[in-house]
Amino acid sequence: MVLPMTTTSPNAASRTRHVDIAIIGSGFSGLGAAIKLKKLGSYSFVVLERGADVGGTWRDNTYPGAACDVPSQLYSFSFARNPEWSRSFSQQPEIQKYIRSVAEKSDVLDHHVFGCDVNSAQWDTAAQQWHLDTTHGRFTARFVVSGVGALCEPALPNIAGINDFEGELFHSARWDHTADLTGKRVAIIGTGASAIQIVPAIADKAGTLDVYQRTAPWILPRLDRPYTRFERFAFKHIPGVQRLARTAIYASRETQVIGLAKAPKLMLGLQALAKGMIRAQIRNPELRKKVTPDFRIGCKRMLISNAYYPALDRANVDLITDGIAEVRGKSIVTADGTEREIDALIVATGFHVTDSPMFAGITGKDGRTLAEVFNDTGMQGYKGTTVAGFPNMFFLVGPNTGLGHTSIVLMIESQLNYVIDALKKIKSNNIATFDVLPEVQNEYNAILQKQLSDTVWMTGGCASWYLDKHGNNTTLWPGFTFTFRRMLKQFDTQAYAITVMSDHTDIAAPQTAAPAARANTTQGTQA
């Protein structure tokens, strides 16, 4: 039975509510999990979302110019294609509208608790369930699905004096829409995916705009255009047209894997194209030199924009490559001693990916947090979806599931297939708990890192957020998305330590937590 959880009664925090499955987060991954569970119909579940709406990063990132760098046709669920896309690359408001519409049509909003921060999640071995402490009270759950995305926790730069800045200061992912930048002296730190969209969007409003660059990115043309009236009619009314368009775009994107992960030298053609853009769009020779990267394209995230270079070429915009020494009350001082006065400071320095604060709040069966485990071994998992020592927990967009060439939604759907097959086998085989065997996880990651060793991400001559402190790429998948999908088609119970319910009773309780029935333990049981 599903609990109505969109509101909280005055005494809600004083009681513990139990569900079969607790989903943390409601971006693409958490929402996708809710939709699949609703369709499965065998488990009660709740979605714990800290924001006021679904959408995740597309709800939070509302900065000027925010848009997706993946084609619209791929940036949707395969089971909920959107014939209403207005253009080939969608902007933030349209993506958020799509996500919200999917949630409404799928009838999963009544499973959500909005404004609900999950402070901690702890595994209880005796009760064989998770205990979650949230701002809406306590929950217990047999299983937890983490839908916490990689791009959700803004990373602030460690710059002396930044907290003493007296002007307007905010991160790009927490844009202050009350701040009027018109005519002001504005500085932006960072030249990543968000910054190259923000700079053109505000350059004509700011009096002056200082762009602080640590590393120049490679930028490719943004092949964006509005869809014609006929195309939109065909997508909506002619069977198979949108599916065909999606398939063609998918196939063209997958070919990039050959250059990124198989034969990095093939990226030189794209690099020549990117250099051609610099020559065509920037007149100043010195500025051209500043924006030309010194590493192979693809080593860091490839960006797309038709407007960034022309914005840098404006008279009121200055690209600064000297390192920042400190921030003062009304200025920024660079390493060469130059002080530049500013009125507003925008921080576009990315997110905590391999060191998410969320990791410190999840405690596994041996009393260690996910942060402690990852600190020792690096961010490792099994098939990007489970982690040894954290039973009955699925991680969507987990270790090594990121992509450098196409839509993350493709990976999420593959993981959802794995989760649903796992739950079906759990139900039919009366499984109480599962925990991936450490030796299986270790072998999987050894193979993964070997596959990654010859990719452009490891040999391209750059440092990036793809790599952890151990020097391993724990972020990206080193192959085709269809290979990942095939690998996750079935839940391979032989890779897990399994405990089986001995008395064939359901350990879920409708309202309050109850201890699990006594279980028998096996390893490598094949369902």
Protein backbone atom coordinates (compact mmCIF):
# COMPACT_ATOMS: atom_id res chain seq x y z
CA MET A 1 0.00 0.00 0.00
CA VAL A 2 1.35 3.42 -0.97
CA LEU A 3 1.55 6.07 1.72
CA PRO A 4 0.32 9.60 0.85
CA MET A 5 3.48 11.61 1.42
CA THR A 6 3.20 14.97 -0.31
CA THR A 7 2.27 16.64 2.99
CA THR A 8 3.51 16.24 6.53
CA SER A 9 1.26 16.23 9.57
CA PRO A 10 2.38 18.01 12.77
CA ASN A 11 3.34 14.73 14.42
CA ALA A 12 4.94 13.18 11.32
CA ALA A 13 8.47 13.73 12.58
CA SER A 14 7.73 11.73 15.74
CA ARG A 15 6.93 8.47 13.97
CA THR A 16 8.87 6.15 11.70
CA ARG A 17 7.32 5.38 8.36
CA HIS A 18 8.20 2.20 6.50
CA VAL A 19 8.22 1.50 2.78
CA ASP A 20 9.71 -1.24 0.69
CA ILE A 21 11.82 1.20 -1.33
CA ALA A 22 13.05 4.73 -0.60
CA ILE A 23 14.24 6.74 -3.61
CA ILE A 24 16.53 9.68 -2.89
CA GLY A 25 16.18 12.47 -5.44
CA SER A 26 13.80 13.15 -8.30
CA GLY A 27 15.85 14.17 -11.29
CA PHE A 28 15.90 11.97 -14.38
CA SER A 29 17.20 8.96 -12.43
CA GLY A 30 14.99 9.14 -9.33
CA LEU A 31 11.90 9.98 -11.36
CA GLY A 32 12.67 7.16 -13.78
CA ALA A 33 12.92 4.74 -10.86
CA ALA A 34 9.56 5.93 -9.50
CA ILE A 35 7.90 5.44 -12.88
CA LYS A 36 9.31 1.94 -13.27
CA LEU A 37 8.29 0.97 -9.71
CA LYS A 38 4.79 2.33 -10.25
CA LYS A 39 4.48 0.13 -13.32
CA LEU A 40 5.94 -2.89 -11.51
CA GLY A 41 3.36 -2.50 -8.76
CA SER A 42 4.91 -5.02 -6.36
CA TYR A 43 6.53 -2.65 -3.88
CA SER A 44 5.53 0.39 -1.87
CA PHE A 45 7.90 3.30 -2.38
CA VAL A 46 8.51 6.95 -1.59
CA VAL A 47 10.63 9.59 -3.31
CA LEU A 48 12.50 11.89 -0.93
CA GLU A 49 13.30 15.11 -2.79
CA ARG A 50 15.00 18.08 -1.17
CA GLY A 51 13.70 20.55 -3.76
CA ALA A 52 10.20 21.89 -4.24
CA ASP A 53 9.67 20.07 -7.54
CA VAL A 54 11.02 17.28 -9.71
CA GLY A 55 13.82 17.99 -12.17
CA GLY A 56 17.10 17.81 -10.25
CA THR A 57 19.83 19.77 -12.00
CA TRP A 58 17.32 21.15 -14.53
CA ARG A 59 15.23 22.55 -11.71
CA ASP A 60 18.24 24.09 -9.95
CA ASN A 61 20.29 25.47 -12.85
CA THR A 62 18.33 28.49 -14.03
CA TYR A 63 21.22 30.74 -15.00
CA PRO A 64 20.93 32.87 -18.17
CA GLY A 65 21.56 30.78 -21.26
CA ALA A 66 21.16 27.41 -19.50
CA ALA A 67 20.71 24.70 -22.11
CA CYS A 68 21.59 21.09 -22.83
CA ASP A 69 24.58 20.04 -24.93
CA VAL A 70 22.92 16.74 -25.88
CA PRO A 71 20.41 16.72 -28.78
CA SER A 72 16.80 17.03 -27.63
CA GLN A 73 15.75 13.76 -29.24
CA LEU A 74 18.14 11.84 -26.98
CA TYR A 75 17.42 13.87 -23.86
CA SER A 76 14.20 12.13 -22.93
CA PHE A 77 13.09 8.74 -21.71
CA SER A 78 12.66 6.19 -24.49
CA PHE A 79 9.30 5.30 -22.94
CA ALA A 80 8.23 8.96 -22.85
CA ARG A 81 9.54 10.59 -26.02
CA ASN A 82 8.68 14.25 -26.37
CA PRO A 83 7.19 15.32 -29.73
CA GLU A 84 6.92 18.89 -28.42
CA TRP A 85 10.62 19.82 -28.48
CA SER A 86 10.89 23.22 -30.10
CA ARG A 87 14.51 22.95 -31.24
CA SER A 88 17.34 20.48 -31.79
CA PHE A 89 19.10 21.43 -28.52
CA SER A 90 16.70 22.30 -25.72
CA GLN A 91 16.99 25.05 -23.16
CA GLN A 92 16.50 24.64 -19.41
CA PRO A 93 12.86 25.79 -19.11
CA GLU A 94 11.77 23.35 -21.82
CA ILE A 95 13.63 20.42 -20.26
CA GLN A 96 12.19 21.16 -16.83
CA LYS A 97 8.71 21.39 -18.35
CA TYR A 98 9.22 17.98 -19.97
CA ILE A 99 10.37 16.35 -16.72
CA ARG A 100 7.41 17.78 -14.84
CA SER A 101 4.96 16.64 -17.51
CA VAL A 102 6.35 13.09 -17.40
CA ALA A 103 5.94 13.03 -13.61
CA GLU A 104 2.33 14.18 -13.91
CA LYS A 105 1.42 11.75 -16.71
CA SER A 106 3.04 8.85 -14.86
CA ASP A 107 1.02 9.60 -11.72
CA VAL A 108 3.97 9.40 -9.32
CA LEU A 109 3.82 12.82 -7.69
CA ASP A 110 1.76 11.49 -4.78
CA HIS A 111 4.73 9.27 -3.90
CA HIS A 112 6.96 12.35 -3.39
CA VAL A 113 7.95 14.18 -0.23
CA PHE A 114 9.19 17.55 -1.44
CA GLY A 115 11.41 19.80 0.64
CA CYS A 116 12.83 16.67 2.27
CA ASP A 117 16.57 16.54 2.92
CA VAL A 118 17.98 13.10 3.68
CA ASN A 119 20.47 13.71 6.48
CA SER A 120 21.67 10.13 6.77
CA ALA A 121 21.02 6.56 5.68
CA GLN A 122 22.25 3.69 7.86
CA TRP A 123 22.08 -0.03 7.22
CA ASP A 124 20.66 -2.12 10.07
CA THR A 125 22.02 -5.66 9.70
CA ALA A 126 19.79 -7.16 12.39
CA ALA A 127 16.59 -5.74 10.91
CA GLN A 128 17.85 -6.09 7.31
CA GLN A 129 16.71 -2.64 6.33
CA TRP A 130 17.83 0.97 5.93
CA HIS A 131 17.14 3.71 8.48
CA LEU A 132 16.84 7.16 6.93
CA ASP A 133 16.85 10.35 8.94
CA THR A 134 15.27 13.24 7.05
CA THR A 135 13.92 16.71 7.64
CA HIS A 136 10.46 15.13 7.36
CA GLY A 137 11.09 12.53 10.03
CA ARG A 138 12.40 8.99 10.04
CA PHE A 139 11.88 6.32 7.39
CA THR A 140 12.83 2.67 7.16
CA ALA A 141 13.08 0.81 3.88
CA ARG A 142 14.08 -2.63 2.68
CA PHE A 143 15.84 -1.07 -0.30
CA VAL A 144 17.25 2.34 -1.15
CA VAL A 145 17.66 3.74 -4.66
CA SER A 146 20.03 6.70 -4.80
CA GLY A 147 18.97 9.08 -7.54
CA VAL A 148 21.41 11.76 -6.39
CA GLY A 149 23.01 13.06 -9.54
CA ALA A 150 26.67 13.89 -10.05
CA LEU A 151 25.90 17.55 -10.84
CA CYS A 152 23.93 18.49 -7.75
CA GLU A 153 26.41 19.73 -5.12
CA PRO A 154 28.07 23.00 -6.22
CA ALA A 155 31.82 23.16 -5.66
CA LEU A 156 33.09 26.48 -4.34
CA PRO A 157 36.67 27.52 -5.08
CA ASN A 158 39.17 27.60 -2.23
CA ILE A 159 40.27 31.20 -2.72
CA ALA A 160 41.52 33.39 0.10
CA GLY A 161 39.06 36.09 1.11
CA ILE A 162 36.16 34.97 -1.05
CA ASN A 163 33.79 34.89 1.92
CA ASP A 164 34.63 38.52 2.64
CA PHE A 165 33.49 39.79 -0.74
CA GLU A 166 31.01 42.63 -0.20
CA GLY A 167 29.20 42.56 -3.53
CA GLU A 168 26.77 40.08 -5.03
CA LEU A 169 28.23 36.57 -4.90
CA PHE A 170 26.59 33.34 -6.05
CA HIS A 171 27.29 29.99 -7.75
CA SER A 172 26.00 29.45 -11.27
CA ALA A 173 23.85 26.54 -10.01
CA ARG A 174 22.22 28.81 -7.42
CA TRP A 175 21.64 31.84 -9.62
CA ASP A 176 20.42 34.95 -7.81
CA HIS A 177 17.65 36.28 -10.04
CA THR A 178 17.26 39.34 -7.83
CA ALA A 179 20.75 40.48 -8.82
CA ASP A 180 20.67 43.13 -11.53
CA LEU A 181 23.96 42.98 -13.42
CA THR A 182 23.10 45.81 -15.80
CA GLY A 183 26.02 48.21 -16.12
CA LYS A 184 27.97 46.56 -13.29
CA ARG A 185 31.55 45.36 -13.12
CA VAL A 186 31.07 41.59 -13.15
CA ALA A 187 33.57 38.76 -12.75
CA ILE A 188 32.99 35.08 -13.46
CA ILE A 189 35.35 32.36 -12.27
CA GLY A 190 35.47 29.31 -14.53
CA THR A 191 35.27 28.47 -18.22
CA GLY A 192 33.39 25.18 -18.13
CA ALA A 193 30.04 24.13 -19.55
CA SER A 194 27.98 26.60 -17.49
CA ALA A 195 30.33 29.55 -17.92
CA ILE A 196 30.43 29.39 -21.70
CA GLN A 197 26.64 29.70 -21.70
CA ILE A 198 26.52 32.46 -19.09
CA VAL A 199 29.19 34.71 -20.61
CA PRO A 200 27.36 35.38 -23.92
CA ALA A 201 24.05 35.76 -22.06
CA ILE A 202 25.27 38.56 -19.78
CA ALA A 203 28.08 40.19 -21.76
CA ASP A 204 25.81 42.82 -23.31
CA LYS A 205 24.24 43.71 -19.94
CA ALA A 206 27.35 44.03 -17.81
CA GLY A 207 29.35 47.21 -17.87
CA THR A 208 32.51 45.11 -17.85
CA LEU A 209 32.90 41.35 -17.61
CA ASP A 210 36.12 39.71 -16.40
CA VAL A 211 36.32 35.98 -17.20
CA TYR A 212 38.87 34.11 -15.07
CA GLN A 213 40.19 31.05 -16.88
CA ARG A 214 42.35 28.33 -15.36
CA THR A 215 42.24 25.95 -18.32
CA ALA A 216 40.98 26.72 -21.81
CA PRO A 217 38.27 24.28 -23.02
CA TRP A 218 37.88 22.86 -26.50
CA ILE A 219 34.69 24.21 -28.05
CA LEU A 220 32.81 22.84 -31.05
CA PRO A 221 29.95 24.36 -33.07
CA ARG A 222 26.50 24.15 -31.52
CA LEU A 223 24.38 22.71 -34.34
CA ASP A 224 21.20 24.15 -32.87
CA ARG A 225 18.13 25.31 -34.77
CA PRO A 226 14.38 25.56 -34.26
CA TYR A 227 12.39 22.63 -35.58
CA THR A 228 10.23 23.49 -38.56
CA ARG A 229 6.46 23.33 -38.37
CA PHE A 230 6.49 20.22 -40.57
CA GLU A 231 9.06 18.45 -38.35
CA ARG A 232 7.03 19.10 -35.23
CA PHE A 233 3.87 17.88 -36.97
CA ALA A 234 5.69 14.73 -38.14
CA PHE A 235 7.12 13.98 -34.70
CA LYS A 236 3.67 14.22 -33.20
CA HIS A 237 1.41 12.64 -35.80
CA ILE A 238 3.37 10.40 -38.18
CA PRO A 239 4.22 7.05 -36.57
CA GLY A 240 7.89 6.14 -36.51
CA VAL A 241 9.29 9.52 -37.59
CA GLN A 242 10.52 10.61 -34.17
CA ARG A 243 11.84 7.14 -33.39
CA LEU A 244 13.80 7.19 -36.67
CA ALA A 245 15.21 10.65 -35.92
CA ARG A 246 16.24 9.55 -32.43
CA THR A 247 17.90 6.39 -33.78
CA ALA A 248 19.88 8.33 -36.40
CA ILE A 249 21.15 10.86 -33.84
CA TYR A 250 21.98 8.06 -31.40
CA ALA A 251 24.03 6.21 -34.02
CA SER A 252 25.98 9.32 -35.02
CA ARG A 253 26.80 10.08 -31.38
CA GLU A 254 27.99 6.54 -30.67
CA THR A 255 30.63 6.83 -33.38
CA GLN A 256 32.46 9.35 -31.15
CA VAL A 257 33.30 6.51 -28.75
CA ILE A 258 35.80 5.18 -31.30
CA GLY A 259 37.88 8.34 -31.02
CA LEU A 260 37.37 8.90 -27.29
CA ALA A 261 37.97 5.39 -26.02
CA LYS A 262 39.35 3.20 -28.81
CA ALA A 263 41.64 5.25 -31.08
CA PRO A 264 42.28 8.74 -29.61
CA LYS A 265 44.21 9.86 -32.70
CA LEU A 266 40.90 9.95 -34.56
CA MET A 267 39.96 12.98 -32.42
CA LEU A 268 42.43 15.12 -34.37
CA GLY A 269 39.78 15.88 -36.98
CA LEU A 270 37.48 17.38 -34.35
CA GLN A 271 40.43 19.24 -32.90
CA ALA A 272 41.13 20.82 -36.29
CA LEU A 273 37.48 21.89 -36.48
CA ALA A 274 37.72 23.47 -33.03
CA LYS A 275 40.88 25.35 -34.00
CA GLY A 276 39.11 26.60 -37.10
CA MET A 277 36.36 28.05 -34.89
CA ILE A 278 38.95 29.97 -32.88
CA ARG A 279 40.48 31.46 -36.05
CA ALA A 280 37.09 32.37 -37.48
CA GLN A 281 35.52 33.89 -34.36
CA ILE A 282 38.38 35.67 -32.58
CA ARG A 283 40.32 38.49 -34.24
CA ASN A 284 42.88 39.25 -31.53
CA PRO A 285 45.98 37.00 -31.89
CA GLU A 286 46.78 37.21 -28.17
CA LEU A 287 43.24 36.19 -27.24
CA ARG A 288 43.40 33.32 -29.73
CA LYS A 289 46.49 32.05 -27.93
CA LYS A 290 44.76 32.26 -24.55
CA VAL A 291 41.72 30.23 -25.63
CA THR A 292 43.68 27.49 -27.40
CA PRO A 293 44.00 24.41 -25.14
CA ASP A 294 47.31 22.58 -24.75
CA PHE A 295 45.78 19.11 -24.52
CA ARG A 296 44.02 16.78 -26.92
CA ILE A 297 40.34 17.37 -27.53
CA GLY A 298 38.12 15.02 -25.53
CA CYS A 299 40.53 14.77 -22.59
CA LYS A 300 38.28 17.21 -20.74
CA ARG A 301 34.59 17.65 -21.44
CA MET A 302 34.01 18.90 -24.99
CA LEU A 303 31.82 21.99 -25.04
CA ILE A 304 29.57 23.42 -27.74
CA SER A 305 28.82 27.09 -28.39
CA ASN A 306 28.49 29.49 -31.30
CA ALA A 307 28.43 32.56 -29.05
CA TYR A 308 31.24 32.18 -26.49
CA TYR A 309 34.22 33.23 -28.60
CA PRO A 310 32.43 36.27 -30.09
CA ALA A 311 31.49 37.29 -26.53
CA LEU A 312 35.13 37.14 -25.43
CA ASP A 313 36.00 39.34 -28.42
CA ARG A 314 33.76 42.17 -27.15
CA ALA A 315 35.41 45.38 -25.98
CA ASN A 316 33.87 45.16 -22.49
CA VAL A 317 34.96 41.55 -21.89
CA ASP A 318 38.42 40.56 -20.65
CA LEU A 319 39.74 36.98 -20.45
CA ILE A 320 42.17 36.70 -17.53
CA THR A 321 44.51 33.71 -17.33
CA ASP A 322 46.63 34.77 -14.35
CA GLY A 323 45.76 32.76 -11.26
CA ILE A 324 43.65 34.39 -8.55
CA ALA A 325 45.66 35.20 -5.41
CA GLU A 326 42.79 36.52 -3.31
CA VAL A 327 39.36 38.11 -3.29
CA ARG A 328 38.96 41.36 -1.39
CA GLY A 329 35.86 43.24 -0.31
CA LYS A 330 35.36 44.88 -3.71
CA SER A 331 38.01 43.36 -5.97
CA ILE A 332 39.98 40.37 -7.21
CA VAL A 333 43.77 40.26 -7.03
CA THR A 334 45.66 37.98 -9.42
CA ALA A 335 49.03 36.33 -8.88
CA ASP A 336 50.85 39.08 -10.79
CA GLY A 337 49.58 41.65 -8.28
CA THR A 338 46.93 43.23 -10.51
CA GLU A 339 43.80 44.30 -8.65
CA ARG A 340 40.51 44.59 -10.54
CA GLU A 341 37.50 46.15 -8.88
CA ILE A 342 34.15 44.39 -9.30
CA ASP A 343 30.55 44.72 -8.13
CA ALA A 344 29.39 41.12 -8.62
CA LEU A 345 31.14 37.75 -8.57
CA ILE A 346 29.73 34.62 -10.26
CA VAL A 347 31.31 31.30 -9.35
CA ALA A 348 31.01 28.73 -12.17
CA THR A 349 33.41 26.16 -10.75
CA GLY A 350 31.41 22.98 -11.23
CA PHE A 351 30.28 20.35 -8.76
CA HIS A 352 31.47 17.78 -6.24
CA VAL A 353 31.50 14.64 -8.39
CA THR A 354 34.06 12.20 -6.98
CA ASP A 355 33.76 13.71 -3.49
CA SER A 356 30.05 14.36 -3.07
CA PRO A 357 29.02 15.42 0.48
CA MET A 358 26.23 12.85 0.14
CA PHE A 359 28.79 10.06 0.53
CA ALA A 360 29.43 11.00 4.17
CA GLY A 361 25.79 10.43 5.11
CA ILE A 362 25.50 6.80 3.94
CA THR A 363 26.73 4.15 6.39
CA GLY A 364 27.10 0.54 5.31
CA LYS A 365 27.08 -2.79 7.09
CA ASP A 366 30.55 -2.47 8.66
CA GLY A 367 29.89 0.99 10.10
CA ARG A 368 31.94 2.81 7.47
CA THR A 369 30.48 5.62 5.42
CA LEU A 370 30.55 5.66 1.65
CA ALA A 371 32.93 8.63 1.90
CA GLU A 372 35.38 6.58 3.99
CA VAL A 373 35.21 3.65 1.59
CA PHE A 374 35.71 5.85 -1.47
CA ASN A 375 38.52 7.72 0.26
CA ASP A 376 40.45 4.47 0.58
CA THR A 377 39.66 2.80 -2.72
CA GLY A 378 38.40 5.56 -4.96
CA MET A 379 34.84 5.80 -6.21
CA GLN A 380 34.24 2.19 -7.20
CA GLY A 381 31.14 0.13 -7.71
CA TYR A 382 29.87 -2.87 -9.62
CA LYS A 383 28.33 -2.14 -13.01
CA GLY A 384 27.94 1.43 -11.76
CA THR A 385 24.90 0.38 -9.75
CA THR A 386 25.88 -1.38 -6.51
CA VAL A 387 28.74 -0.99 -4.02
CA ALA A 388 30.21 -3.73 -1.83
CA GLY A 389 29.36 -3.27 1.84
CA PHE A 390 26.12 -1.40 1.14
CA PRO A 391 23.42 -4.08 0.93
CA ASN A 392 20.07 -3.54 -0.71
CA MET A 393 21.14 -0.25 -2.22
CA PHE A 394 21.20 0.82 -5.87
CA PHE A 395 23.17 3.81 -7.13
CA LEU A 396 21.79 5.39 -10.30
CA VAL A 397 24.43 7.39 -12.18
CA GLY A 398 26.95 5.62 -9.96
CA PRO A 399 30.70 5.12 -10.50
CA ASN A 400 31.83 5.04 -14.15
CA THR A 401 28.42 5.67 -15.68
CA GLY A 402 29.11 9.16 -17.00
CA LEU A 403 29.49 9.87 -20.71
CA GLY A 404 31.56 12.17 -22.85
CA HIS A 405 29.57 11.89 -26.04
CA THR A 406 25.85 11.30 -25.58
CA SER A 407 22.85 11.32 -23.24
CA ILE A 408 23.14 10.14 -19.64
CA VAL A 409 19.46 9.17 -19.87
CA LEU A 410 20.56 6.15 -21.93
CA MET A 411 22.71 4.95 -19.04
CA ILE A 412 19.99 5.64 -16.48
CA GLU A 413 17.50 3.52 -18.39
CA SER A 414 20.01 0.65 -18.55
CA GLN A 415 20.44 0.85 -14.79
CA LEU A 416 16.68 0.92 -14.28
CA ASN A 417 16.43 -2.32 -16.26
CA TYR A 418 18.96 -3.85 -13.85
CA VAL A 419 17.10 -2.58 -10.78
CA ILE A 420 13.72 -3.83 -11.95
CA ASP A 421 15.09 -7.24 -12.88
CA ALA A 422 16.72 -7.42 -9.45
CA LEU A 423 13.45 -6.65 -7.71
CA LYS A 424 11.62 -9.26 -9.78
CA LYS A 425 14.18 -11.90 -8.80
CA ILE A 426 14.08 -10.77 -5.18
CA LYS A 427 10.33 -11.26 -5.18
CA SER A 428 10.28 -14.61 -6.95
CA ASN A 429 13.21 -16.08 -5.00
CA ASN A 430 12.23 -14.69 -1.59
CA ILE A 431 15.54 -12.83 -1.23
CA ALA A 432 15.96 -10.71 1.89
CA THR A 433 19.29 -9.00 1.15
CA PHE A 434 21.94 -8.75 -1.55
CA ASP A 435 25.45 -7.35 -1.36
CA VAL A 436 27.93 -7.45 -4.23
CA LEU A 437 30.92 -9.66 -3.48
CA PRO A 438 34.10 -7.56 -2.96
CA GLU A 439 36.17 -9.83 -5.19
CA VAL A 440 33.62 -9.47 -8.00
CA GLN A 441 33.64 -5.69 -7.65
CA ASN A 442 37.44 -5.59 -7.57
CA GLU A 443 37.74 -7.70 -10.71
CA TYR A 444 35.15 -5.57 -12.50
CA ASN A 445 37.03 -2.36 -11.68
CA ALA A 446 40.42 -3.80 -12.62
CA ILE A 447 39.05 -4.59 -16.07
CA LEU A 448 37.38 -1.18 -16.27
CA GLN A 449 40.54 0.75 -15.42
CA LYS A 450 42.51 -1.29 -17.96
CA GLN A 451 39.97 -0.37 -20.62
CA LEU A 452 40.22 3.28 -19.59
CA SER A 453 44.02 3.39 -19.63
CA ASP A 454 44.31 3.95 -23.38
CA THR A 455 41.43 6.40 -23.72
CA VAL A 456 41.82 10.09 -24.48
CA TRP A 457 40.72 10.88 -20.93
CA MET A 458 43.89 9.24 -19.60
CA THR A 459 46.36 9.95 -22.42
CA GLY A 460 45.22 13.37 -23.64
CA GLY A 461 47.51 15.42 -21.40
CA CYS A 462 45.00 17.10 -19.11
CA ALA A 463 43.75 17.04 -15.53
CA SER A 464 39.99 16.90 -15.17
CA TRP A 465 37.14 16.25 -12.77
CA TYR A 466 36.84 12.85 -14.42
CA LEU A 467 39.78 11.67 -12.27
CA ASP A 468 39.84 11.05 -8.53
CA LYS A 469 42.72 11.70 -6.14
CA HIS A 470 44.15 8.25 -6.93
CA GLY A 471 44.48 9.21 -10.60
CA ASN A 472 41.76 6.80 -11.70
CA ASN A 473 38.90 7.72 -13.99
CA THR A 474 35.96 6.77 -11.77
CA THR A 475 33.45 8.91 -13.63
CA LEU A 476 33.16 7.79 -17.26
CA TRP A 477 32.06 4.64 -19.07
CA PRO A 478 34.77 3.58 -21.55
CA GLY A 479 32.61 2.18 -24.30
CA PHE A 480 29.38 2.14 -26.23
CA THR A 481 26.10 2.70 -24.41
CA PHE A 482 24.56 -0.36 -26.06
CA THR A 483 27.32 -2.47 -24.48
CA PHE A 484 26.43 -1.10 -21.06
CA ARG A 485 22.76 -1.74 -21.71
CA ARG A 486 23.42 -5.34 -22.68
CA MET A 487 25.59 -5.85 -19.59
CA LEU A 488 22.80 -4.62 -17.31
CA LYS A 489 19.97 -6.46 -19.00
CA GLN A 490 19.74 -9.01 -16.18
CA PHE A 491 20.54 -8.88 -12.48
CA ASP A 492 23.35 -11.41 -12.02
CA THR A 493 22.67 -12.84 -8.57
CA GLN A 494 25.84 -14.97 -8.76
CA ALA A 495 27.82 -11.75 -8.24
CA TYR A 496 26.19 -11.14 -4.86
CA ALA A 497 26.10 -12.48 -1.33
CA ILE A 498 22.43 -13.32 -0.89
CA THR A 499 20.31 -13.89 2.21
CA VAL A 500 17.02 -15.68 1.66
CA MET A 501 13.91 -15.35 3.81
CA SER A 502 13.38 -18.61 5.67
CA ASP A 503 9.69 -18.37 6.44
CA HIS A 504 8.34 -16.79 3.22
CA THR A 505 6.95 -13.78 5.05
CA ASP A 506 6.99 -10.18 3.88
CA ILE A 507 9.20 -8.02 6.09
CA ALA A 508 7.61 -4.78 4.92
CA ALA A 509 5.20 -3.07 7.31
CA PRO A 510 2.66 -0.43 6.22
CA GLN A 511 3.41 2.26 8.80
CA THR A 512 6.13 1.41 11.32
CA ALA A 513 9.45 -0.31 11.08
CA ALA A 514 9.51 -4.01 11.91
CA PRO A 515 12.50 -6.34 12.21
CA ALA A 516 13.10 -8.70 9.35
CA ALA A 517 12.36 -12.36 9.76
CA ARG A 518 15.29 -14.67 10.37
CA ALA A 519 17.25 -15.23 7.18
CA ASN A 520 19.48 -17.94 5.78
CA THR A 521 22.71 -16.76 4.19
CA THR A 522 24.14 -17.97 0.90
CA GLN A 523 26.75 -16.65 -1.49
CA GLY A 524 26.48 -16.62 -5.21
CA THR A 525 22.97 -18.07 -5.34
CA GLN A 526 21.78 -18.14 -8.94
CA ALA A 527 18.16 -17.00 -9.23
